[in-house]
């Protein structure tokens, strides 16, 4: 597969967004003391160079158990960078900046991710809103592999998906990804489970585990360049910010909301001020860094936020499918399970041990006042039990354990779909950048959130490697990356989310994609090049060989072709009625053609 990287010519001319590699006449990379050049080659013959620290190292931890660093000497060539947020995008950004020559400090409000083992979630069935599983496609995997992070060893490679439909509910709209690939159907009671090959080849992995593994790789590869500071958050200033983008200072405070936060001695200052040469906000959809950009650049930086109004809670489901046979059950353990129930749904990617990491998604009363099931009014364990019995009867084998219903009742719901469109991803005059949900959160309908975030982290690093001047590098990153993230947001909103009227939006989306799938089989472009149809462009979302804006443009063309076909059909239908049927119409058209009037002749 091609390396998923930004690419520049010497004039910084760019083609292909962040997916296609053109390394002709590249500017030289700045060398750093103690660093060596690595050369990566892609399958299509393109190649690129990237700086990296020596991969042979000694791991040395400090006495402070919440700060991971080493004592080796290092002189940064690009200055000091601060990354706010140590999630998957933040940790990968730290690696990107270190490879570009920065000394990196990463501040995370929670405790070390390695202290949140996935087996603890599996055993209890209790999960916080931040321990859900994410599904990585080849786009996200390619971004990780540019830094040598291999998710195959700690994720689950999906064998397909299982869709649990229930009798008594209005038949849900079929996801077009599920069409033409039904493998097996199993019916138990009033629930019909359809096994398909949708999501096959993608990687299911717990978000906290992924963050921990990227952090571990960062510490091992860049022991003298990257320091993680846990239980630290930006100092809360009501109505303001403790980030000074003019003087390039950030004030951090201790976050004591975690059990891992160590005891604070009486002579220890709970707050600390840090200076930076580059500030990266990877602190999520409620980003403090983004808020500082809005305050300091109120005339040039704007944010448009689209909130879907859905809410979710996390729960771990036991291994299911013991009644379908040993071979099928093994595949179910590696499948993405879904329970679609209109606005209500249960989505559950698998864990390595076959259990499922589920999220129960319900509408808030703000968008559905008459909703029968909403986390706004489900407050008792008995109500949770009743909801599962009605909506997801086979999720726990027909019996929801009391500790699970109690945990779900007490768990605080998290907001679901939010799509962000920022006017800029970077402000070069302040040396500040946004990556991931902080700058381009997307509704999870098409499964692109983590993938586009990891891709942005890799792209930022490559821009900084390719362009020595930091301001010019992040300005170039903003110009090249923002069209891609905006396109990703629009595609996700056009799919199954981003609007309160999701049923209608989904209907037309599914109808269009399904029609294109049928046409691509009846009139394949490979056999009929001019008028044939290729498979829907939306299916290329997970491929690093296609950019988001490229997919969006192709989808517009697909829509125009379908519209032309529909209009042509009704025009022919009207003419056939006018002339008394298709046969008279054909005769009339043929006579008109042969008379020469078609070519401008005639009397």
Protein backbone atom coordinates (compact mmCIF):
# COMPACT_ATOMS: atom_id res chain seq x y z
CA UNK A 1 0.00 0.00 0.00
CA UNK A 2 1.11 3.54 -0.58
CA UNK A 3 2.51 5.47 2.33
CA UNK A 4 -0.22 7.74 3.59
CA UNK A 5 1.65 11.01 3.60
CA UNK A 6 1.55 14.59 2.49
CA UNK A 7 3.76 15.17 -0.52
CA UNK A 8 5.26 18.30 -1.95
CA UNK A 9 7.21 19.44 -4.93
CA UNK A 10 9.88 22.02 -4.33
CA UNK A 11 7.30 24.75 -4.89
CA UNK A 12 4.96 22.95 -2.45
CA UNK A 13 2.61 22.17 -5.31
CA UNK A 14 0.29 19.42 -4.14
CA UNK A 15 -1.83 16.74 -5.72
CA UNK A 16 -3.96 14.09 -4.14
CA UNK A 17 -4.64 15.59 -0.73
CA UNK A 18 -2.86 13.45 1.84
CA UNK A 19 -2.95 10.16 0.00
CA UNK A 20 -0.81 10.18 -3.11
CA UNK A 21 2.93 10.31 -2.88
CA UNK A 22 4.89 12.56 -5.24
CA UNK A 23 8.43 13.04 -4.09
CA UNK A 24 9.91 14.72 -7.15
CA UNK A 25 12.47 17.43 -6.35
CA UNK A 26 11.79 17.35 -2.65
CA UNK A 27 13.45 19.99 -0.47
CA UNK A 28 16.16 18.54 1.79
CA UNK A 29 15.20 17.58 5.32
CA UNK A 30 16.91 19.36 8.18
CA UNK A 31 19.20 16.97 10.01
CA UNK A 32 19.33 16.84 13.78
CA UNK A 33 22.01 15.74 16.16
CA UNK A 34 21.64 12.07 17.02
CA UNK A 35 19.11 11.43 14.25
CA UNK A 36 19.39 9.40 11.07
CA UNK A 37 17.44 9.28 7.84
CA UNK A 38 15.16 6.35 7.10
CA UNK A 39 13.89 5.67 3.61
CA UNK A 40 10.49 4.14 3.02
CA UNK A 41 9.43 2.69 -0.33
CA UNK A 42 5.86 2.21 -1.47
CA UNK A 43 4.59 -0.53 -3.74
CA UNK A 44 4.16 1.80 -6.70
CA UNK A 45 7.79 2.79 -6.77
CA UNK A 46 7.40 6.12 -4.98
CA UNK A 47 9.62 6.76 -2.01
CA UNK A 48 10.09 9.31 0.71
CA UNK A 49 12.60 10.05 3.40
CA UNK A 50 11.76 10.58 7.04
CA UNK A 51 13.92 11.46 10.00
CA UNK A 52 13.84 9.26 13.03
CA UNK A 53 15.69 8.74 16.25
CA UNK A 54 17.99 5.76 16.66
CA UNK A 55 15.79 2.73 17.26
CA UNK A 56 18.30 1.19 19.68
CA UNK A 57 17.70 2.65 23.13
CA UNK A 58 17.67 2.03 26.86
CA UNK A 59 14.37 2.66 28.64
CA UNK A 60 14.83 4.69 31.79
CA UNK A 61 11.88 5.90 33.85
CA UNK A 62 11.93 8.72 36.37
CA UNK A 63 10.90 8.46 39.98
CA UNK A 64 7.65 10.26 39.30
CA UNK A 65 5.28 7.49 38.28
CA UNK A 66 2.98 9.88 36.41
CA UNK A 67 5.72 11.33 34.20
CA UNK A 68 7.50 9.10 31.69
CA UNK A 69 10.79 10.40 30.36
CA UNK A 70 14.44 9.45 30.01
CA UNK A 71 17.71 11.01 31.10
CA UNK A 72 19.49 10.86 27.75
CA UNK A 73 20.72 14.17 26.39
CA UNK A 74 18.98 15.68 23.37
CA UNK A 75 19.19 19.07 21.73
CA UNK A 76 16.02 19.82 19.73
CA UNK A 77 16.53 21.43 16.34
CA UNK A 78 13.03 22.88 16.01
CA UNK A 79 12.23 24.05 19.55
CA UNK A 80 9.68 22.92 22.11
CA UNK A 81 6.25 21.62 21.16
CA UNK A 82 3.29 21.08 23.48
CA UNK A 83 0.56 18.60 22.60
CA UNK A 84 -2.63 18.84 24.64
CA UNK A 85 -4.28 15.42 24.79
CA UNK A 86 -2.68 11.96 24.75
CA UNK A 87 -5.40 10.06 22.96
CA UNK A 88 -4.60 8.18 19.73
CA UNK A 89 -4.36 11.38 17.66
CA UNK A 90 -2.37 13.27 20.30
CA UNK A 91 0.10 10.44 20.90
CA UNK A 92 0.68 9.93 17.16
CA UNK A 93 1.11 13.70 16.75
CA UNK A 94 3.83 13.59 19.40
CA UNK A 95 5.67 10.97 17.36
CA UNK A 96 5.28 13.05 14.22
CA UNK A 97 6.68 16.15 15.90
CA UNK A 98 9.59 14.27 17.45
CA UNK A 99 10.54 12.87 14.06
CA UNK A 100 10.40 16.41 12.67
CA UNK A 101 12.94 17.53 15.30
CA UNK A 102 10.85 18.93 18.18
CA UNK A 103 11.20 18.38 21.90
CA UNK A 104 7.65 17.31 22.77
CA UNK A 105 5.67 17.54 26.01
CA UNK A 106 2.27 15.84 26.00
CA UNK A 107 -0.27 16.82 28.67
CA UNK A 108 -3.17 14.46 29.45
CA UNK A 109 -5.84 15.10 32.05
CA UNK A 110 -6.38 11.41 32.73
CA UNK A 111 -3.99 8.90 34.24
CA UNK A 112 -1.69 6.69 32.15
CA UNK A 113 -3.69 4.80 29.55
CA UNK A 114 -1.73 1.63 30.29
CA UNK A 115 -3.51 1.56 33.68
CA UNK A 116 -6.84 1.03 31.97
CA UNK A 117 -6.50 -2.65 30.91
CA UNK A 118 -9.13 -3.97 28.55
CA UNK A 119 -9.59 -7.17 30.57
CA UNK A 120 -10.97 -5.09 33.46
CA UNK A 121 -13.73 -3.88 31.21
CA UNK A 122 -14.43 -7.36 29.91
CA UNK A 123 -14.78 -8.96 33.33
CA UNK A 124 -17.17 -6.42 34.83
CA UNK A 125 -19.15 -5.26 31.84
CA UNK A 126 -18.74 -1.74 33.21
CA UNK A 127 -17.12 0.84 30.97
CA UNK A 128 -16.62 4.58 30.95
CA UNK A 129 -17.69 6.69 28.00
CA UNK A 130 -14.06 6.87 26.80
CA UNK A 131 -13.34 3.11 26.67
CA UNK A 132 -15.36 2.21 23.61
CA UNK A 133 -13.90 0.30 20.66
CA UNK A 134 -13.05 2.04 17.42
CA UNK A 135 -12.81 0.48 13.97
CA UNK A 136 -9.72 1.31 11.94
CA UNK A 137 -9.74 0.90 8.18
CA UNK A 138 -6.70 0.92 5.92
CA UNK A 139 -6.60 4.73 6.02
CA UNK A 140 -5.97 4.81 9.76
CA UNK A 141 -3.75 1.72 9.72
CA UNK A 142 -1.55 3.31 7.04
CA UNK A 143 -1.09 6.44 9.17
CA UNK A 144 -0.01 4.32 12.15
CA UNK A 145 2.40 2.26 10.08
CA UNK A 146 4.27 5.35 8.93
CA UNK A 147 5.51 5.43 12.54
CA UNK A 148 5.92 1.69 12.90
CA UNK A 149 2.81 1.11 15.03
CA UNK A 150 1.32 -2.25 14.08
CA UNK A 151 -2.23 -2.72 15.38
CA UNK A 152 -2.53 -6.31 14.20
CA UNK A 153 -0.88 -7.55 17.40
CA UNK A 154 -3.37 -5.96 19.80
CA UNK A 155 -6.53 -5.47 17.74
CA UNK A 156 -9.12 -7.80 16.21
CA UNK A 157 -9.15 -8.17 12.44
CA UNK A 158 -12.85 -8.24 11.58
CA UNK A 159 -14.20 -11.24 9.70
CA UNK A 160 -17.44 -9.44 8.85
CA UNK A 161 -20.54 -8.15 10.57
CA UNK A 162 -23.74 -9.48 12.11
CA UNK A 163 -26.94 -7.46 11.89
CA UNK A 164 -29.62 -8.41 14.42
CA UNK A 165 -33.07 -7.41 13.10
CA UNK A 166 -36.15 -7.82 15.25
CA UNK A 167 -39.70 -8.71 14.33
CA UNK A 168 -42.27 -6.21 15.48
CA UNK A 169 -40.19 -3.18 14.55
CA UNK A 170 -40.48 -1.29 11.31
CA UNK A 171 -38.02 -2.94 8.94
CA UNK A 172 -34.87 -0.82 9.20
CA UNK A 173 -33.20 0.67 6.19
CA UNK A 174 -30.57 -1.65 4.86
CA UNK A 175 -27.07 -0.27 5.00
CA UNK A 176 -25.78 -0.45 1.40
CA UNK A 177 -22.51 -1.88 2.71
CA UNK A 178 -24.56 -4.95 3.65
CA UNK A 179 -26.11 -5.56 0.23
CA UNK A 180 -25.00 -8.35 -2.10
CA UNK A 181 -22.83 -9.93 0.59
CA UNK A 182 -25.26 -11.77 2.85
CA UNK A 183 -23.63 -14.99 3.97
CA UNK A 184 -25.99 -16.61 6.42
CA UNK A 185 -29.24 -15.89 8.24
CA UNK A 186 -30.09 -17.23 11.69
CA UNK A 187 -33.49 -16.79 13.32
CA UNK A 188 -33.99 -17.19 17.07
CA UNK A 189 -37.40 -16.14 18.38
CA UNK A 190 -38.31 -12.79 16.88
CA UNK A 191 -34.69 -11.81 16.15
CA UNK A 192 -33.14 -12.53 12.75
CA UNK A 193 -29.33 -12.31 12.63
CA UNK A 194 -27.78 -11.78 9.21
CA UNK A 195 -24.06 -12.49 8.81
CA UNK A 196 -22.29 -10.46 6.10
CA UNK A 197 -18.75 -9.60 5.06
CA UNK A 198 -19.20 -5.87 5.71
CA UNK A 199 -16.23 -4.35 7.65
CA UNK A 200 -14.15 -7.39 6.71
CA UNK A 201 -10.45 -6.60 7.04
CA UNK A 202 -10.89 -3.61 9.35
CA UNK A 203 -9.39 -3.59 12.84
CA UNK A 204 -11.47 -3.36 16.03
CA UNK A 205 -9.52 -2.01 18.98
CA UNK A 206 -10.28 -0.44 22.34
CA UNK A 207 -9.59 3.30 22.23
CA UNK A 208 -7.64 3.30 25.50
CA UNK A 209 -5.56 0.31 24.39
CA UNK A 210 -4.73 2.04 21.10
CA UNK A 211 -3.73 5.23 22.91
CA UNK A 212 -1.55 3.23 25.33
CA UNK A 213 0.19 1.35 22.52
CA UNK A 214 0.95 4.54 20.60
CA UNK A 215 2.26 6.14 23.81
CA UNK A 216 4.42 3.09 24.42
CA UNK A 217 5.83 3.28 20.89
CA UNK A 218 6.48 7.01 21.33
CA UNK A 219 8.41 6.42 24.56
CA UNK A 220 10.45 3.60 23.05
CA UNK A 221 11.31 5.33 19.78
CA UNK A 222 11.87 8.85 21.09
CA UNK A 223 12.96 8.42 24.73
CA UNK A 224 14.80 11.74 24.92
CA UNK A 225 12.32 13.79 22.90
CA UNK A 226 8.84 12.94 24.19
CA UNK A 227 7.58 13.36 27.76
CA UNK A 228 4.05 12.44 28.84
CA UNK A 229 2.54 14.38 31.74
CA UNK A 230 -0.55 12.70 33.18
CA UNK A 231 -3.25 14.16 35.43
CA UNK A 232 -2.60 17.57 33.90
CA UNK A 233 -5.15 19.83 32.26
CA UNK A 234 -5.23 23.41 31.05
CA UNK A 235 -6.11 25.70 33.95
CA UNK A 236 -9.81 26.40 33.90
CA UNK A 237 -10.61 30.12 33.61
CA UNK A 238 -14.39 30.80 33.59
CA UNK A 239 -15.25 32.87 30.55
CA UNK A 240 -11.63 33.01 29.41
CA UNK A 241 -8.54 30.91 28.79
CA UNK A 242 -5.19 30.26 30.43
CA UNK A 243 -3.55 29.91 27.00
CA UNK A 244 -1.77 33.07 25.90
CA UNK A 245 -1.28 32.76 22.16
CA UNK A 246 0.61 36.09 22.01
CA UNK A 247 3.33 35.25 24.50
CA UNK A 248 3.07 31.51 23.69
CA UNK A 249 2.44 30.35 27.24
CA UNK A 250 0.08 27.74 28.69
CA UNK A 251 -0.82 27.28 32.35
CA UNK A 252 -1.57 23.71 33.45
CA UNK A 253 -3.18 22.49 36.65
CA UNK A 254 -3.48 19.10 38.28
CA UNK A 255 -6.59 17.13 37.41
CA UNK A 256 -7.58 15.11 40.45
CA UNK A 257 -10.53 13.31 38.95
CA UNK A 258 -8.54 10.08 38.52
CA UNK A 259 -7.47 7.48 41.08
CA UNK A 260 -4.01 7.52 39.51
CA UNK A 261 -3.37 11.13 40.56
CA UNK A 262 -0.50 11.08 43.12
CA UNK A 263 -0.52 12.85 46.47
CA UNK A 264 0.40 16.54 46.29
CA UNK A 265 2.91 17.65 48.89
CA UNK A 266 2.38 20.94 50.73
CA UNK A 267 5.37 22.67 49.09
CA UNK A 268 4.44 21.57 45.57
CA UNK A 269 2.81 24.12 43.27
CA UNK A 270 -0.31 22.59 41.66
CA UNK A 271 0.00 24.90 38.64
CA UNK A 272 2.82 25.27 36.14
CA UNK A 273 3.42 27.62 33.21
CA UNK A 274 4.96 26.28 30.01
CA UNK A 275 6.31 28.11 26.99
CA UNK A 276 6.12 26.62 23.53
CA UNK A 277 7.33 27.08 19.98
CA UNK A 278 4.46 24.99 18.61
CA UNK A 279 1.13 24.21 20.30
CA UNK A 280 -1.05 21.34 19.06
CA UNK A 281 -4.61 20.88 20.31
CA UNK A 282 -5.60 17.21 20.30
CA UNK A 283 -7.94 17.63 23.26
CA UNK A 284 -11.21 16.50 21.75
CA UNK A 285 -14.44 18.04 20.63
CA UNK A 286 -14.54 20.42 23.62
CA UNK A 287 -11.01 21.62 22.96
CA UNK A 288 -9.54 24.32 25.21
CA UNK A 289 -6.94 25.08 22.54
CA UNK A 290 -9.68 25.72 20.00
CA UNK A 291 -11.47 27.99 22.48
CA UNK A 292 -8.26 30.03 22.89
CA UNK A 293 -8.07 30.39 19.11
CA UNK A 294 -11.63 31.71 19.08
CA UNK A 295 -10.76 34.27 21.78
CA UNK A 296 -7.46 35.51 20.33
CA UNK A 297 -8.48 35.32 16.67
CA UNK A 298 -12.16 36.17 16.89
CA UNK A 299 -12.08 38.04 13.57
CA UNK A 300 -10.40 35.32 11.51
CA UNK A 301 -11.17 32.04 13.27
CA UNK A 302 -14.74 30.70 13.38
CA UNK A 303 -16.28 27.37 14.28
CA UNK A 304 -19.50 25.78 13.02
CA UNK A 305 -20.76 22.95 15.18
CA UNK A 306 -23.51 20.52 14.15
CA UNK A 307 -24.77 18.42 17.07
CA UNK A 308 -26.95 15.44 16.24
CA UNK A 309 -28.57 15.18 19.64
CA UNK A 310 -27.90 11.48 20.19
CA UNK A 311 -26.50 10.09 23.44
CA UNK A 312 -24.68 6.86 24.22
CA UNK A 313 -23.50 4.72 27.11
CA UNK A 314 -20.86 1.98 26.98
CA UNK A 315 -21.26 -1.63 28.04
CA UNK A 316 -19.34 -4.86 27.51
CA UNK A 317 -21.39 -7.76 26.15
CA UNK A 318 -20.54 -11.42 26.69
CA UNK A 319 -19.68 -13.82 23.87
CA UNK A 320 -22.83 -14.47 21.87
CA UNK A 321 -23.73 -16.99 19.18
CA UNK A 322 -23.23 -20.23 21.09
CA UNK A 323 -26.46 -21.55 19.57
CA UNK A 324 -25.43 -21.24 15.90
CA UNK A 325 -22.71 -23.87 15.69
CA UNK A 326 -19.00 -23.86 16.47
CA UNK A 327 -17.75 -22.63 13.08
CA UNK A 328 -20.25 -19.79 12.79
CA UNK A 329 -19.75 -18.85 16.44
CA UNK A 330 -16.02 -18.42 15.88
CA UNK A 331 -16.74 -15.98 13.06
CA UNK A 332 -19.24 -14.12 15.24
CA UNK A 333 -16.48 -13.56 17.81
CA UNK A 334 -14.60 -11.56 15.16
CA UNK A 335 -17.60 -9.71 13.72
CA UNK A 336 -19.03 -6.25 14.22
CA UNK A 337 -22.52 -6.70 15.73
CA UNK A 338 -25.31 -4.16 15.24
CA UNK A 339 -28.87 -3.95 16.57
CA UNK A 340 -30.64 -1.25 14.47
CA UNK A 341 -33.94 -0.08 15.97
CA UNK A 342 -34.75 3.16 14.20
CA UNK A 343 -33.31 6.02 16.26
CA UNK A 344 -32.25 3.47 18.88
CA UNK A 345 -29.29 1.18 18.25
CA UNK A 346 -26.64 -0.98 19.85
CA UNK A 347 -23.25 -1.14 18.12
CA UNK A 348 -20.71 -3.66 19.37
CA UNK A 349 -17.28 -4.32 17.81
CA UNK A 350 -15.42 -7.35 19.22
CA UNK A 351 -12.63 -7.58 21.81
CA UNK A 352 -9.73 -10.06 21.46
CA UNK A 353 -11.43 -12.57 23.79
CA UNK A 354 -14.67 -12.62 21.78
CA UNK A 355 -16.65 -10.31 24.06
CA UNK A 356 -18.18 -7.19 22.53
CA UNK A 357 -17.52 -3.56 23.39
CA UNK A 358 -20.96 -2.07 22.95
CA UNK A 359 -22.42 1.43 22.86
CA UNK A 360 -26.15 1.88 23.40
CA UNK A 361 -27.26 4.90 21.35
CA UNK A 362 -30.56 6.62 22.16
CA UNK A 363 -32.02 10.00 21.14
CA UNK A 364 -32.08 12.84 23.63
CA UNK A 365 -35.43 14.38 24.49
CA UNK A 366 -34.22 17.58 22.86
CA UNK A 367 -34.59 16.04 19.39
CA UNK A 368 -37.30 13.47 20.12
CA UNK A 369 -39.69 14.65 22.81
CA UNK A 370 -41.92 11.61 22.47
CA UNK A 371 -39.10 9.06 22.43
CA UNK A 372 -40.02 5.96 24.38
CA UNK A 373 -36.41 5.27 25.22
CA UNK A 374 -33.96 8.06 26.05
CA UNK A 375 -31.02 8.27 28.42
CA UNK A 376 -32.57 11.51 29.67
CA UNK A 377 -35.35 9.58 31.43
CA UNK A 378 -33.82 6.13 32.01
CA UNK A 379 -32.60 6.43 35.58
CA UNK A 380 -33.38 3.09 37.25
CA UNK A 381 -31.87 -0.39 36.65
CA UNK A 382 -35.38 -1.78 36.09
CA UNK A 383 -35.86 0.62 33.18
CA UNK A 384 -32.56 -0.47 31.64
CA UNK A 385 -33.63 -4.11 31.96
CA UNK A 386 -36.97 -3.37 30.33
CA UNK A 387 -35.29 -1.51 27.45
CA UNK A 388 -32.91 -4.40 26.70
CA UNK A 389 -35.75 -6.90 26.87
CA UNK A 390 -37.71 -4.94 24.29
CA UNK A 391 -34.94 -3.69 21.99
CA UNK A 392 -32.01 -6.07 22.33
CA UNK A 393 -33.34 -9.35 23.74
CA UNK A 394 -30.45 -11.54 22.54
CA UNK A 395 -27.62 -9.18 23.56
CA UNK A 396 -27.11 -10.88 26.94
CA UNK A 397 -28.68 -14.20 26.11
CA UNK A 398 -32.07 -12.99 27.31
CA UNK A 399 -30.94 -12.00 30.81
CA UNK A 400 -29.26 -8.69 31.65
CA UNK A 401 -27.07 -9.11 34.77
CA UNK A 402 -28.09 -6.83 37.67
CA UNK A 403 -24.63 -5.22 37.90
CA UNK A 404 -24.82 -4.26 34.22
CA UNK A 405 -28.27 -2.65 34.50
CA UNK A 406 -27.17 -0.77 37.62
CA UNK A 407 -23.99 0.44 35.96
CA UNK A 408 -25.81 1.64 32.84
CA UNK A 409 -28.42 3.43 34.94
CA UNK A 410 -25.71 5.28 36.90
CA UNK A 411 -23.34 5.95 34.00
CA UNK A 412 -23.36 9.50 32.67
CA UNK A 413 -24.40 9.54 29.00
CA UNK A 414 -21.95 10.95 26.48
CA UNK A 415 -22.96 13.12 23.54
CA UNK A 416 -23.01 11.29 20.24
CA UNK A 417 -22.68 12.89 16.86
CA UNK A 418 -20.90 16.23 16.55
CA UNK A 419 -19.46 17.57 13.32
CA UNK A 420 -17.06 20.53 13.44
CA UNK A 421 -16.09 22.85 10.62
CA UNK A 422 -13.33 25.26 11.66
CA UNK A 423 -12.36 28.11 9.37
CA UNK A 424 -8.72 27.04 9.89
CA UNK A 425 -6.91 24.05 11.32
CA UNK A 426 -3.90 26.23 12.13
CA UNK A 427 -3.08 29.84 12.95
CA UNK A 428 0.55 30.29 11.77
CA UNK A 429 0.99 33.67 13.48
CA UNK A 430 0.42 31.95 16.83
CA UNK A 431 2.10 28.64 15.94
CA UNK A 432 -0.99 26.68 16.97
CA UNK A 433 -2.58 23.68 15.21
CA UNK A 434 -5.65 21.50 15.73
CA UNK A 435 -5.82 17.77 14.97
CA UNK A 436 -8.51 15.15 15.46
CA UNK A 437 -11.83 15.99 17.08
CA UNK A 438 -10.44 19.31 18.30
CA UNK A 439 -10.43 20.61 14.73
CA UNK A 440 -12.55 18.28 12.62
CA UNK A 441 -14.87 16.05 14.62
CA UNK A 442 -17.24 14.01 12.46
CA UNK A 443 -20.41 12.06 13.09
CA UNK A 444 -19.45 8.36 13.39
CA UNK A 445 -21.98 7.21 10.78
CA UNK A 446 -19.29 6.23 8.27
CA UNK A 447 -16.66 5.19 10.80
CA UNK A 448 -14.12 7.86 9.83
CA UNK A 449 -13.52 9.74 13.12
CA UNK A 450 -10.41 7.93 14.36
CA UNK A 451 -9.12 7.30 10.85
CA UNK A 452 -9.22 10.93 9.74
CA UNK A 453 -7.71 12.01 13.10
CA UNK A 454 -4.72 9.66 12.78
CA UNK A 455 -4.29 10.69 9.18
CA UNK A 456 -4.13 14.37 10.18
CA UNK A 457 -1.51 13.60 12.84
CA UNK A 458 0.70 11.89 10.26
CA UNK A 459 0.16 14.66 7.70
CA UNK A 460 1.13 17.40 10.17
CA UNK A 461 4.41 15.65 10.90
CA UNK A 462 5.26 15.25 7.25
CA UNK A 463 4.50 18.90 6.53
CA UNK A 464 6.93 19.87 9.30
CA UNK A 465 9.56 17.46 7.95
CA UNK A 466 9.23 18.76 4.42
CA UNK A 467 9.25 22.48 5.25
CA UNK A 468 11.90 23.77 7.64
CA UNK A 469 10.08 26.99 8.61
CA UNK A 470 7.46 26.07 11.21
CA UNK A 471 5.01 28.84 10.33
CA UNK A 472 5.14 28.00 6.64
CA UNK A 473 4.78 24.30 7.40
CA UNK A 474 1.62 24.61 9.48
CA UNK A 475 0.17 27.12 7.03
CA UNK A 476 0.73 24.60 4.23
CA UNK A 477 -0.79 21.86 6.38
CA UNK A 478 -3.88 24.01 6.92
CA UNK A 479 -4.30 24.76 3.23
CA UNK A 480 -3.87 21.16 2.14
CA UNK A 481 -5.55 19.27 4.95
CA UNK A 482 -8.64 21.37 5.67
CA UNK A 483 -10.35 20.58 2.31
CA UNK A 484 -9.96 16.89 3.17
CA UNK A 485 -11.38 17.12 6.70
CA UNK A 486 -14.24 19.32 5.52
CA UNK A 487 -15.11 16.80 2.83
CA UNK A 488 -15.00 14.00 5.40
CA UNK A 489 -17.43 15.94 7.61
CA UNK A 490 -19.85 16.56 4.76
CA UNK A 491 -19.71 12.92 3.67
CA UNK A 492 -20.49 11.74 7.21
CA UNK A 493 -23.41 14.15 7.51
CA UNK A 494 -24.75 13.01 4.14
CA UNK A 495 -24.67 9.40 5.28
CA UNK A 496 -26.58 8.26 8.34
CA UNK A 497 -26.06 11.15 10.73
CA UNK A 498 -25.63 14.87 11.23
CA UNK A 499 -29.35 15.64 11.08
CA UNK A 500 -32.31 15.05 13.36
CA UNK A 501 -34.30 13.74 10.39
CA UNK A 502 -31.96 10.79 9.96
CA UNK A 503 -34.59 8.41 8.60
CA UNK A 504 -35.27 10.50 5.50
CA UNK A 505 -31.58 11.26 4.96
CA UNK A 506 -30.68 7.59 5.28
CA UNK A 507 -33.42 6.54 2.85
CA UNK A 508 -32.12 8.64 -0.04
CA UNK A 509 -28.51 7.82 0.78
CA UNK A 510 -29.22 4.08 0.82
CA UNK A 511 -31.37 4.31 -2.32
CA UNK A 512 -28.66 6.11 -4.27
CA UNK A 513 -25.84 3.79 -3.20
CA UNK A 514 -27.94 0.67 -3.72
CA UNK A 515 -28.93 1.81 -7.22
CA UNK A 516 -25.31 2.46 -8.10
CA UNK A 517 -24.35 -1.00 -6.85
CA UNK A 518 -26.98 -2.62 -9.06
CA UNK A 519 -25.92 -0.57 -12.09
CA UNK A 520 -22.24 -1.39 -11.51
CA UNK A 521 -23.14 -5.08 -11.77
CA UNK A 522 -25.51 -4.74 -14.73
CA UNK A 523 -23.38 -2.23 -16.70
CA UNK A 524 -19.84 -2.49 -15.27
CA UNK A 525 -17.45 0.27 -16.29
CA UNK A 526 -14.73 -2.32 -16.85
CA UNK A 527 -16.72 -3.80 -19.74
CA UNK A 528 -18.61 -0.71 -20.93
CA UNK A 529 -16.10 2.13 -20.41
CA UNK A 530 -18.14 5.11 -21.59
CA UNK A 531 -21.59 4.52 -20.15
CA UNK A 532 -20.77 1.86 -17.57
CA UNK A 533 -20.87 2.33 -13.81
CA UNK A 534 -18.09 1.71 -11.29
CA UNK A 535 -18.87 0.61 -7.73
CA UNK A 536 -20.05 3.52 -5.56
CA UNK A 537 -17.27 5.94 -4.63
CA UNK A 538 -18.37 5.85 -0.98
CA UNK A 539 -16.85 2.36 -0.79
CA UNK A 540 -13.40 3.91 -1.19
CA UNK A 541 -13.61 5.81 2.10
CA UNK A 542 -11.31 3.36 3.84
CA UNK A 543 -8.66 3.32 1.14
CA UNK A 544 -5.58 5.55 1.54
CA UNK A 545 -5.35 5.78 -2.27
CA UNK A 546 -8.38 8.08 -2.43
CA UNK A 547 -8.76 11.50 -0.86
CA UNK A 548 -11.99 12.60 0.78
CA UNK A 549 -12.61 15.47 -1.62
CA UNK A 550 -11.93 13.12 -4.54
CA UNK A 551 -14.61 10.75 -3.23
CA UNK A 552 -17.00 13.66 -2.70
CA UNK A 553 -16.53 14.92 -6.28
CA UNK A 554 -17.10 11.45 -7.68
CA UNK A 555 -20.27 11.11 -5.63
CA UNK A 556 -21.56 14.37 -7.11
CA UNK A 557 -20.94 13.02 -10.60
CA UNK A 558 -22.71 9.80 -9.64
CA UNK A 559 -25.67 11.83 -8.42
CA UNK A 560 -25.82 13.82 -11.66
CA UNK A 561 -25.73 10.64 -13.75
CA UNK A 562 -28.55 9.12 -11.73
CA UNK A 563 -30.56 12.34 -11.99
CA UNK A 564 -30.05 12.37 -15.76
CA UNK A 565 -31.24 8.77 -15.98
CA UNK A 566 -34.37 9.53 -13.92
CA UNK A 567 -35.20 12.65 -15.97
CA UNK A 568 -34.61 10.76 -19.23
CA UNK A 569 -36.89 7.97 -18.04
CA UNK A 570 -39.76 10.33 -17.28
CA UNK A 571 -39.25 12.24 -20.55
CA UNK A 572 -39.49 8.98 -22.49
CA UNK A 573 -42.48 7.95 -20.42
CA UNK A 574 -44.24 11.25 -21.19
CA UNK A 575 -43.48 11.04 -24.90
CA UNK A 576 -44.73 7.47 -25.04
CA UNK A 577 -48.05 8.56 -23.54
CA UNK A 578 -48.22 11.47 -25.97
CA UNK A 579 -47.67 9.25 -29.02
CA UNK A 580 -49.77 6.37 -27.75
CA UNK A 581 -47.05 4.00 -26.63
CA UNK A 582 -43.41 3.18 -27.06
CA UNK A 583 -43.80 1.57 -30.49
CA UNK A 584 -45.33 4.69 -32.13
CA UNK A 585 -42.70 6.81 -30.40
CA UNK A 586 -39.89 4.67 -31.81
CA UNK A 587 -41.41 4.79 -35.29
CA UNK A 588 -41.86 8.56 -35.09
CA UNK A 589 -38.30 9.08 -33.85
CA UNK A 590 -36.87 6.77 -36.52
CA UNK A 591 -38.80 8.55 -39.27
CA UNK A 592 -37.61 11.93 -37.99
CA UNK A 593 -34.04 10.66 -37.92
CA UNK A 594 -34.12 9.22 -41.44
CA UNK A 595 -35.80 12.29 -42.89
CA UNK A 596 -32.65 14.28 -42.31
CA UNK A 597 -34.18 16.78 -39.91
CA UNK A 598 -32.07 15.33 -37.13
CA UNK A 599 -29.03 16.70 -39.02
CA UNK A 600 -30.60 20.03 -39.83
CA UNK A 601 -31.85 19.02 -43.28
CA UNK A 602 -35.35 18.74 -44.65
CA UNK A 603 -37.64 21.15 -46.46
